[in-house]
Full PDB file with SEQRES, HELIX, SHEET, SSBOND, CRYST1, ORIGX, SCALE, CONECT and MASTER records, all heavy atoms in Angstrom:
SEQRES   1 A   32  ILE THR ILE LYS GLN ILE GLN GLU LYS ILE ALA GLU ALA          
SEQRES   2 A   32  ILE LYS LEU SER GLY LEU THR GLN THR GLU ILE GLY LYS          
SEQRES   3 A   32  ARG LEU GLN ILE SER GLN                                      
HELIX    1 AA1 ILE A    3  SER A   17  1                                  15    
HELIX    2 AA2 GLN A   21  LEU A   28  1                                   8    
CRYST1    1.000    1.000    1.000  90.00  90.00  90.00 P 1           1          
ORIGX1      1.000000  0.000000  0.000000        0.00000                         
ORIGX2      0.000000  1.000000  0.000000        0.00000                         
ORIGX3      0.000000  0.000000  1.000000        0.00000                         
SCALE1      1.000000  0.000000  0.000000        0.00000                         
SCALE2      0.000000  1.000000  0.000000        0.00000                         
SCALE3      0.000000  0.000000  1.000000        0.00000                         
ATOM      1  N   ILE A   1     -84.425 -27.337  57.037  1.00  0.00           N  
ATOM      2  CA  ILE A   1     -85.439 -27.187  55.992  1.00  0.00           C  
ATOM      3  C   ILE A   1     -86.708 -27.911  56.443  1.00  0.00           C  
ATOM      4  O   ILE A   1     -86.643 -29.039  56.929  1.00  0.00           O  
ATOM      5  CB  ILE A   1     -84.934 -27.777  54.665  1.00  0.00           C  
ATOM      6  CG1 ILE A   1     -83.667 -27.060  54.222  1.00  0.00           C  
ATOM      7  CG2 ILE A   1     -86.013 -27.698  53.601  1.00  0.00           C  
ATOM      8  CD1 ILE A   1     -82.899 -27.772  53.133  1.00  0.00           C  
ATOM      9  N   THR A   2     -87.849 -27.247  56.266  1.00  0.00           N  
ATOM     10  CA  THR A   2     -89.112 -27.857  56.674  1.00  0.00           C  
ATOM     11  C   THR A   2     -89.996 -28.153  55.460  1.00  0.00           C  
ATOM     12  O   THR A   2     -89.818 -27.548  54.390  1.00  0.00           O  
ATOM     13  CB  THR A   2     -89.900 -26.932  57.625  1.00  0.00           C  
ATOM     14  OG1 THR A   2     -90.301 -25.762  56.909  1.00  0.00           O  
ATOM     15  CG2 THR A   2     -89.072 -26.549  58.842  1.00  0.00           C  
ATOM     16  N   ILE A   3     -90.941 -29.049  55.642  1.00  0.00           N  
ATOM     17  CA  ILE A   3     -91.912 -29.378  54.597  1.00  0.00           C  
ATOM     18  C   ILE A   3     -92.680 -28.117  54.200  1.00  0.00           C  
ATOM     19  O   ILE A   3     -92.934 -27.880  53.025  1.00  0.00           O  
ATOM     20  CB  ILE A   3     -92.897 -30.468  55.094  1.00  0.00           C  
ATOM     21  CG1 ILE A   3     -92.172 -31.775  55.369  1.00  0.00           C  
ATOM     22  CG2 ILE A   3     -94.049 -30.661  54.120  1.00  0.00           C  
ATOM     23  CD1 ILE A   3     -91.709 -32.517  54.149  1.00  0.00           C  
ATOM     24  N   LYS A   4     -93.032 -27.298  55.173  1.00  0.00           N  
ATOM     25  CA  LYS A   4     -93.781 -26.074  54.905  1.00  0.00           C  
ATOM     26  C   LYS A   4     -93.007 -25.158  53.964  1.00  0.00           C  
ATOM     27  O   LYS A   4     -93.583 -24.568  53.050  1.00  0.00           O  
ATOM     28  CB  LYS A   4     -94.108 -25.351  56.208  1.00  0.00           C  
ATOM     29  CG  LYS A   4     -94.885 -24.069  55.997  1.00  0.00           C  
ATOM     30  CD  LYS A   4     -95.797 -23.787  57.147  1.00  0.00           C  
ATOM     31  CE  LYS A   4     -96.565 -22.514  56.986  1.00  0.00           C  
ATOM     32  NZ  LYS A   4     -97.557 -22.533  55.932  1.00  0.00           N  
ATOM     33  N   GLN A   5     -91.704 -25.031  54.151  1.00  0.00           N  
ATOM     34  CA  GLN A   5     -90.877 -24.199  53.269  1.00  0.00           C  
ATOM     35  C   GLN A   5     -90.909 -24.732  51.839  1.00  0.00           C  
ATOM     36  O   GLN A   5     -91.011 -23.959  50.886  1.00  0.00           O  
ATOM     37  CB  GLN A   5     -89.433 -24.153  53.769  1.00  0.00           C  
ATOM     38  CG  GLN A   5     -89.248 -23.367  55.040  1.00  0.00           C  
ATOM     39  CD  GLN A   5     -87.842 -23.517  55.579  1.00  0.00           C  
ATOM     40  OE1 GLN A   5     -87.338 -24.634  55.736  1.00  0.00           O  
ATOM     41  NE2 GLN A   5     -87.199 -22.395  55.873  1.00  0.00           N  
ATOM     42  N   ILE A   6     -90.812 -26.039  51.685  1.00  0.00           N  
ATOM     43  CA  ILE A   6     -90.842 -26.655  50.355  1.00  0.00           C  
ATOM     44  C   ILE A   6     -92.208 -26.437  49.710  1.00  0.00           C  
ATOM     45  O   ILE A   6     -92.294 -26.068  48.538  1.00  0.00           O  
ATOM     46  CB  ILE A   6     -90.485 -28.156  50.446  1.00  0.00           C  
ATOM     47  CG1 ILE A   6     -89.032 -28.309  50.914  1.00  0.00           C  
ATOM     48  CG2 ILE A   6     -90.720 -28.850  49.104  1.00  0.00           C  
ATOM     49  CD1 ILE A   6     -88.638 -29.721  51.276  1.00  0.00           C  
ATOM     50  N   GLN A   7     -93.265 -26.624  50.487  1.00  0.00           N  
ATOM     51  CA  GLN A   7     -94.615 -26.393  49.962  1.00  0.00           C  
ATOM     52  C   GLN A   7     -94.784 -24.950  49.497  1.00  0.00           C  
ATOM     53  O   GLN A   7     -95.383 -24.694  48.454  1.00  0.00           O  
ATOM     54  CB  GLN A   7     -95.668 -26.727  51.027  1.00  0.00           C  
ATOM     55  CG  GLN A   7     -95.790 -28.206  51.297  1.00  0.00           C  
ATOM     56  CD  GLN A   7     -96.646 -28.513  52.517  1.00  0.00           C  
ATOM     57  OE1 GLN A   7     -96.608 -27.804  53.518  1.00  0.00           O  
ATOM     58  NE2 GLN A   7     -97.404 -29.592  52.423  1.00  0.00           N  
ATOM     59  N   GLU A   8     -94.259 -24.007  50.252  1.00  0.00           N  
ATOM     60  CA  GLU A   8     -94.358 -22.593  49.886  1.00  0.00           C  
ATOM     61  C   GLU A   8     -93.593 -22.310  48.591  1.00  0.00           C  
ATOM     62  O   GLU A   8     -94.066 -21.551  47.748  1.00  0.00           O  
ATOM     63  CB  GLU A   8     -93.834 -21.712  51.016  1.00  0.00           C  
ATOM     64  CG  GLU A   8     -94.765 -21.672  52.212  1.00  0.00           C  
ATOM     65  CD  GLU A   8     -94.163 -20.994  53.437  1.00  0.00           C  
ATOM     66  OE1 GLU A   8     -92.975 -20.605  53.414  1.00  0.00           O  
ATOM     67  OE2 GLU A   8     -94.903 -20.854  54.435  1.00  0.00           O  
ATOM     68  N   LYS A   9     -92.427 -22.922  48.422  1.00  0.00           N  
ATOM     69  CA  LYS A   9     -91.635 -22.730  47.199  1.00  0.00           C  
ATOM     70  C   LYS A   9     -92.362 -23.306  45.985  1.00  0.00           C  
ATOM     71  O   LYS A   9     -92.362 -22.701  44.908  1.00  0.00           O  
ATOM     72  CB  LYS A   9     -90.251 -23.380  47.334  1.00  0.00           C  
ATOM     73  CG  LYS A   9     -89.333 -22.696  48.307  1.00  0.00           C  
ATOM     74  CD  LYS A   9     -88.792 -21.430  47.705  1.00  0.00           C  
ATOM     75  CE  LYS A   9     -87.683 -20.870  48.579  1.00  0.00           C  
ATOM     76  NZ  LYS A   9     -87.071 -19.696  47.998  1.00  0.00           N  
ATOM     77  N   ILE A  10     -92.976 -24.470  46.144  1.00  0.00           N  
ATOM     78  CA  ILE A  10     -93.733 -25.077  45.047  1.00  0.00           C  
ATOM     79  C   ILE A  10     -94.905 -24.171  44.672  1.00  0.00           C  
ATOM     80  O   ILE A  10     -95.111 -23.873  43.489  1.00  0.00           O  
ATOM     81  CB  ILE A  10     -94.239 -26.489  45.435  1.00  0.00           C  
ATOM     82  CG1 ILE A  10     -93.063 -27.458  45.559  1.00  0.00           C  
ATOM     83  CG2 ILE A  10     -95.253 -27.002  44.409  1.00  0.00           C  
ATOM     84  CD1 ILE A  10     -93.421 -28.804  46.166  1.00  0.00           C  
ATOM     85  N   ALA A  11     -95.651 -23.725  45.669  1.00  0.00           N  
ATOM     86  CA  ALA A  11     -96.806 -22.863  45.411  1.00  0.00           C  
ATOM     87  C   ALA A  11     -96.385 -21.573  44.719  1.00  0.00           C  
ATOM     88  O   ALA A  11     -97.030 -21.133  43.755  1.00  0.00           O  
ATOM     89  CB  ALA A  11     -97.525 -22.554  46.717  1.00  0.00           C  
ATOM     90  N   GLU A  12     -95.294 -20.981  45.169  1.00  0.00           N  
ATOM     91  CA  GLU A  12     -94.798 -19.738  44.572  1.00  0.00           C  
ATOM     92  C   GLU A  12     -94.397 -19.952  43.112  1.00  0.00           C  
ATOM     93  O   GLU A  12     -94.740 -19.151  42.241  1.00  0.00           O  
ATOM     94  CB  GLU A  12     -93.598 -19.226  45.374  1.00  0.00           C  
ATOM     95  CG  GLU A  12     -93.003 -17.959  44.840  1.00  0.00           C  
ATOM     96  CD  GLU A  12     -91.769 -17.514  45.631  1.00  0.00           C  
ATOM     97  OE1 GLU A  12     -91.410 -18.165  46.624  1.00  0.00           O  
ATOM     98  OE2 GLU A  12     -91.169 -16.513  45.217  1.00  0.00           O  
ATOM     99  N   ALA A  13     -93.698 -21.032  42.836  1.00  0.00           N  
ATOM    100  CA  ALA A  13     -93.262 -21.316  41.463  1.00  0.00           C  
ATOM    101  C   ALA A  13     -94.459 -21.535  40.538  1.00  0.00           C  
ATOM    102  O   ALA A  13     -94.463 -21.065  39.394  1.00  0.00           O  
ATOM    103  CB  ALA A  13     -92.345 -22.544  41.453  1.00  0.00           C  
ATOM    104  N   ILE A  14     -95.467 -22.223  41.035  1.00  0.00           N  
ATOM    105  CA  ILE A  14     -96.671 -22.456  40.230  1.00  0.00           C  
ATOM    106  C   ILE A  14     -97.366 -21.132  39.940  1.00  0.00           C  
ATOM    107  O   ILE A  14     -97.741 -20.848  38.803  1.00  0.00           O  
ATOM    108  CB  ILE A  14     -97.615 -23.455  40.925  1.00  0.00           C  
ATOM    109  CG1 ILE A  14     -97.010 -24.866  40.886  1.00  0.00           C  
ATOM    110  CG2 ILE A  14     -99.001 -23.451  40.269  1.00  0.00           C  
ATOM    111  CD1 ILE A  14     -97.752 -25.888  41.727  1.00  0.00           C  
ATOM    112  N   LYS A  15     -97.520 -20.310  40.966  1.00  0.00           N  
ATOM    113  CA  LYS A  15     -98.199 -19.026  40.789  1.00  0.00           C  
ATOM    114  C   LYS A  15     -97.443 -18.104  39.837  1.00  0.00           C  
ATOM    115  O   LYS A  15     -98.042 -17.399  39.028  1.00  0.00           O  
ATOM    116  CB  LYS A  15     -98.413 -18.355  42.139  1.00  0.00           C  
ATOM    117  CG  LYS A  15     -99.489 -19.026  42.964  1.00  0.00           C  
ATOM    118  CD  LYS A  15     -99.641 -18.403  44.328  1.00  0.00           C  
ATOM    119  CE  LYS A  15    -100.668 -19.170  45.146  1.00  0.00           C  
ATOM    120  NZ  LYS A  15    -100.756 -18.688  46.531  1.00  0.00           N  
ATOM    121  N   LEU A  16     -96.125 -18.102  39.920  1.00  0.00           N  
ATOM    122  CA  LEU A  16     -95.300 -17.234  39.073  1.00  0.00           C  
ATOM    123  C   LEU A  16     -95.172 -17.740  37.634  1.00  0.00           C  
ATOM    124  O   LEU A  16     -94.749 -16.997  36.757  1.00  0.00           O  
ATOM    125  CB  LEU A  16     -93.904 -17.066  39.683  1.00  0.00           C  
ATOM    126  CG  LEU A  16     -93.830 -16.286  40.989  1.00  0.00           C  
ATOM    127  CD1 LEU A  16     -92.407 -16.298  41.531  1.00  0.00           C  
ATOM    128  CD2 LEU A  16     -94.317 -14.857  40.802  1.00  0.00           C  
ATOM    129  N   SER A  17     -95.547 -18.979  37.400  1.00  0.00           N  
ATOM    130  CA  SER A  17     -95.362 -19.575  36.078  1.00  0.00           C  
ATOM    131  C   SER A  17     -96.246 -18.953  35.006  1.00  0.00           C  
ATOM    132  O   SER A  17     -95.917 -18.997  33.824  1.00  0.00           O  
ATOM    133  CB  SER A  17     -95.627 -21.080  36.129  1.00  0.00           C  
ATOM    134  OG  SER A  17     -97.022 -21.340  36.250  1.00  0.00           O  
ATOM    135  N   GLY A  18     -97.391 -18.418  35.427  1.00  0.00           N  
ATOM    136  CA  GLY A  18     -98.334 -17.894  34.447  1.00  0.00           C  
ATOM    137  C   GLY A  18     -99.204 -18.971  33.829  1.00  0.00           C  
ATOM    138  O   GLY A  18    -100.088 -18.673  33.031  1.00  0.00           O  
ATOM    139  N   LEU A  19     -98.962 -20.216  34.182  1.00  0.00           N  
ATOM    140  CA  LEU A  19     -99.773 -21.328  33.690  1.00  0.00           C  
ATOM    141  C   LEU A  19    -100.934 -21.563  34.645  1.00  0.00           C  
ATOM    142  O   LEU A  19    -100.812 -21.360  35.852  1.00  0.00           O  
ATOM    143  CB  LEU A  19     -98.937 -22.605  33.603  1.00  0.00           C  
ATOM    144  CG  LEU A  19     -97.756 -22.604  32.639  1.00  0.00           C  
ATOM    145  CD1 LEU A  19     -96.905 -23.846  32.845  1.00  0.00           C  
ATOM    146  CD2 LEU A  19     -98.245 -22.512  31.211  1.00  0.00           C  
ATOM    147  N   THR A  20    -102.048 -21.999  34.098  1.00  0.00           N  
ATOM    148  CA  THR A  20    -103.172 -22.357  34.959  1.00  0.00           C  
ATOM    149  C   THR A  20    -102.910 -23.730  35.570  1.00  0.00           C  
ATOM    150  O   THR A  20    -102.102 -24.519  35.059  1.00  0.00           O  
ATOM    151  CB  THR A  20    -104.500 -22.400  34.179  1.00  0.00           C  
ATOM    152  OG1 THR A  20    -104.453 -23.495  33.250  1.00  0.00           O  
ATOM    153  CG2 THR A  20    -104.778 -21.094  33.466  1.00  0.00           C  
ATOM    154  N   GLN A  21    -103.618 -23.997  36.638  1.00  0.00           N  
ATOM    155  CA  GLN A  21    -103.497 -25.307  37.268  1.00  0.00           C  
ATOM    156  C   GLN A  21    -103.929 -26.405  36.312  1.00  0.00           C  
ATOM    157  O   GLN A  21    -103.334 -27.488  36.290  1.00  0.00           O  
ATOM    158  CB  GLN A  21    -104.325 -25.353  38.552  1.00  0.00           C  
ATOM    159  CG  GLN A  21    -103.780 -24.446  39.629  1.00  0.00           C  
ATOM    160  CD  GLN A  21    -104.633 -24.439  40.876  1.00  0.00           C  
ATOM    161  OE1 GLN A  21    -105.517 -25.266  41.059  1.00  0.00           O  
ATOM    162  NE2 GLN A  21    -104.368 -23.490  41.752  1.00  0.00           N  
ATOM    163  N   THR A  22    -104.920 -26.115  35.493  1.00  0.00           N  
ATOM    164  CA  THR A  22    -105.392 -27.090  34.502  1.00  0.00           C  
ATOM    165  C   THR A  22    -104.303 -27.370  33.472  1.00  0.00           C  
ATOM    166  O   THR A  22    -104.059 -28.535  33.126  1.00  0.00           O  
ATOM    167  CB  THR A  22    -106.677 -26.583  33.817  1.00  0.00           C  
ATOM    168  OG1 THR A  22    -107.670 -26.367  34.821  1.00  0.00           O  
ATOM    169  CG2 THR A  22    -107.192 -27.574  32.790  1.00  0.00           C  
ATOM    170  N   GLU A  23    -103.633 -26.325  32.989  1.00  0.00           N  
ATOM    171  CA  GLU A  23    -102.553 -26.507  32.009  1.00  0.00           C  
ATOM    172  C   GLU A  23    -101.420 -27.331  32.596  1.00  0.00           C  
ATOM    173  O   GLU A  23    -100.892 -28.238  31.934  1.00  0.00           O  
ATOM    174  CB  GLU A  23    -102.005 -25.150  31.560  1.00  0.00           C  
ATOM    175  CG  GLU A  23    -102.933 -24.351  30.686  1.00  0.00           C  
ATOM    176  CD  GLU A  23    -102.415 -22.949  30.413  1.00  0.00           C  
ATOM    177  OE1 GLU A  23    -101.905 -22.290  31.346  1.00  0.00           O  
ATOM    178  OE2 GLU A  23    -102.518 -22.525  29.248  1.00  0.00           O  
ATOM    179  N   ILE A  24    -101.047 -27.026  33.814  1.00  0.00           N  
ATOM    180  CA  ILE A  24     -99.969 -27.773  34.472  1.00  0.00           C  
ATOM    181  C   ILE A  24    -100.373 -29.238  34.611  1.00  0.00           C  
ATOM    182  O   ILE A  24     -99.589 -30.144  34.306  1.00  0.00           O  
ATOM    183  CB  ILE A  24     -99.629 -27.155  35.838  1.00  0.00           C  
ATOM    184  CG1 ILE A  24     -98.988 -25.776  35.642  1.00  0.00           C  
ATOM    185  CG2 ILE A  24     -98.697 -28.070  36.631  1.00  0.00           C  
ATOM    186  CD1 ILE A  24     -98.826 -24.967  36.917  1.00  0.00           C  
ATOM    187  N   GLY A  25    -101.604 -29.468  35.059  1.00  0.00           N  
ATOM    188  CA  GLY A  25    -102.096 -30.841  35.211  1.00  0.00           C  
ATOM    189  C   GLY A  25    -102.048 -31.615  33.912  1.00  0.00           C  
ATOM    190  O   GLY A  25    -101.580 -32.753  33.871  1.00  0.00           O  
ATOM    191  N   LYS A  26    -102.514 -30.994  32.840  1.00  0.00           N  
ATOM    192  CA  LYS A  26    -102.506 -31.671  31.532  1.00  0.00           C  
ATOM    193  C   LYS A  26    -101.091 -31.997  31.089  1.00  0.00           C  
ATOM    194  O   LYS A  26    -100.824 -33.104  30.610  1.00  0.00           O  
ATOM    195  CB  LYS A  26    -103.198 -30.806  30.481  1.00  0.00           C  
ATOM    196  CG  LYS A  26    -104.702 -30.813  30.589  1.00  0.00           C  
ATOM    197  CD  LYS A  26    -105.340 -29.977  29.502  1.00  0.00           C  
ATOM    198  CE  LYS A  26    -106.850 -29.962  29.671  1.00  0.00           C  
ATOM    199  NZ  LYS A  26    -107.520 -29.113  28.685  1.00  0.00           N  
ATOM    200  N   ARG A  27    -100.200 -31.045  31.235  1.00  0.00           N  
ATOM    201  CA  ARG A  27     -98.811 -31.267  30.782  1.00  0.00           C  
ATOM    202  C   ARG A  27     -98.096 -32.333  31.601  1.00  0.00           C  
ATOM    203  O   ARG A  27     -97.225 -33.029  31.089  1.00  0.00           O  
ATOM    204  CB  ARG A  27     -98.033 -29.960  30.813  1.00  0.00           C  
ATOM    205  CG  ARG A  27     -98.523 -28.968  29.776  1.00  0.00           C  
ATOM    206  CD  ARG A  27     -97.642 -27.758  29.724  1.00  0.00           C  
ATOM    207  NE  ARG A  27     -98.221 -26.706  28.905  1.00  0.00           N  
ATOM    208  CZ  ARG A  27     -97.592 -25.585  28.616  1.00  0.00           C  
ATOM    209  NH1 ARG A  27     -96.378 -25.353  29.072  1.00  0.00           N  
ATOM    210  NH2 ARG A  27     -98.176 -24.675  27.866  1.00  0.00           N  
ATOM    211  N   LEU A  28     -98.460 -32.424  32.887  1.00  0.00           N  
ATOM    212  CA  LEU A  28     -97.815 -33.419  33.752  1.00  0.00           C  
ATOM    213  C   LEU A  28     -98.621 -34.713  33.862  1.00  0.00           C  
ATOM    214  O   LEU A  28     -98.211 -35.643  34.545  1.00  0.00           O  
ATOM    215  CB  LEU A  28     -97.600 -32.836  35.151  1.00  0.00           C  
ATOM    216  CG  LEU A  28     -96.647 -31.652  35.246  1.00  0.00           C  
ATOM    217  CD1 LEU A  28     -96.541 -31.184  36.688  1.00  0.00           C  
ATOM    218  CD2 LEU A  28     -95.281 -32.005  34.692  1.00  0.00           C  
ATOM    219  N   GLN A  29     -99.781 -34.732  33.200  1.00  0.00           N  
ATOM    220  CA  GLN A  29    -100.673 -35.883  33.236  1.00  0.00           C  
ATOM    221  C   GLN A  29    -101.112 -36.219  34.668  1.00  0.00           C  
ATOM    222  O   GLN A  29    -101.091 -37.379  35.094  1.00  0.00           O  
ATOM    223  CB  GLN A  29    -100.047 -37.087  32.538  1.00  0.00           C  
ATOM    224  CG  GLN A  29     -99.779 -36.816  31.073  1.00  0.00           C  
ATOM    225  CD  GLN A  29     -99.146 -37.990  30.355  1.00  0.00           C  
ATOM    226  OE1 GLN A  29     -98.570 -38.879  30.973  1.00  0.00           O  
ATOM    227  NE2 GLN A  29     -99.257 -37.985  29.044  1.00  0.00           N  
ATOM    228  N   ILE A  30    -101.469 -35.148  35.388  1.00  0.00           N  
ATOM    229  CA  ILE A  30    -102.043 -35.286  36.718  1.00  0.00           C  
ATOM    230  C   ILE A  30    -103.310 -34.428  36.740  1.00  0.00           C  
ATOM    231  O   ILE A  30    -103.539 -33.632  35.837  1.00  0.00           O  
ATOM    232  CB  ILE A  30    -101.068 -34.841  37.840  1.00  0.00           C  
ATOM    233  CG1 ILE A  30    -100.653 -33.372  37.658  1.00  0.00           C  
ATOM    234  CG2 ILE A  30     -99.849 -35.752  37.868  1.00  0.00           C  
ATOM    235  CD1 ILE A  30     -99.795 -32.826  38.785  1.00  0.00           C  
ATOM    236  N   SER A  31    -104.108 -34.562  37.758  1.00  0.00           N  
ATOM    237  CA  SER A  31    -105.354 -33.796  37.823  1.00  0.00           C  
ATOM    238  C   SER A  31    -105.095 -32.350  38.254  1.00  0.00           C  
ATOM    239  O   SER A  31    -104.096 -32.058  38.926  1.00  0.00           O  
ATOM    240  CB  SER A  31    -106.323 -34.451  38.807  1.00  0.00           C  
ATOM    241  OG  SER A  31    -105.854 -34.302  40.130  1.00  0.00           O  
ATOM    242  N   GLN A  32    -106.014 -31.493  37.865  1.00  0.00           N  
ATOM    243  CA  GLN A  32    -105.957 -30.099  38.307  1.00  0.00           C  
ATOM    244  C   GLN A  32    -106.069 -30.050  39.824  1.00  0.00           C  
ATOM    245  O   GLN A  32    -105.460 -29.209  40.475  1.00  0.00           O  
ATOM    246  CB  GLN A  32    -107.078 -29.292  37.631  1.00  0.00           C  
ATOM    247  CG  GLN A  32    -107.180 -27.834  38.076  1.00  0.00           C  
ATOM    248  CD  GLN A  32    -107.983 -27.635  39.334  1.00  0.00           C  
ATOM    249  OE1 GLN A  32    -108.960 -28.324  39.584  1.00  0.00           O  
ATOM    250  NE2 GLN A  32    -107.570 -26.688  40.143  1.00  0.00           N  
TER     251      GLN A  32                                                      
MASTER        0    0    0    2    0    0    0    6  250    1    0    3          
END                                                                             
């Protein structure tokens, strides 16, 4: 398993969520 594979999975999950980056940031209390 590589870091790149994990990064790709995270990016895919975020994109498929239907949530904006701003919404995710607010809910997780991190920046967009």
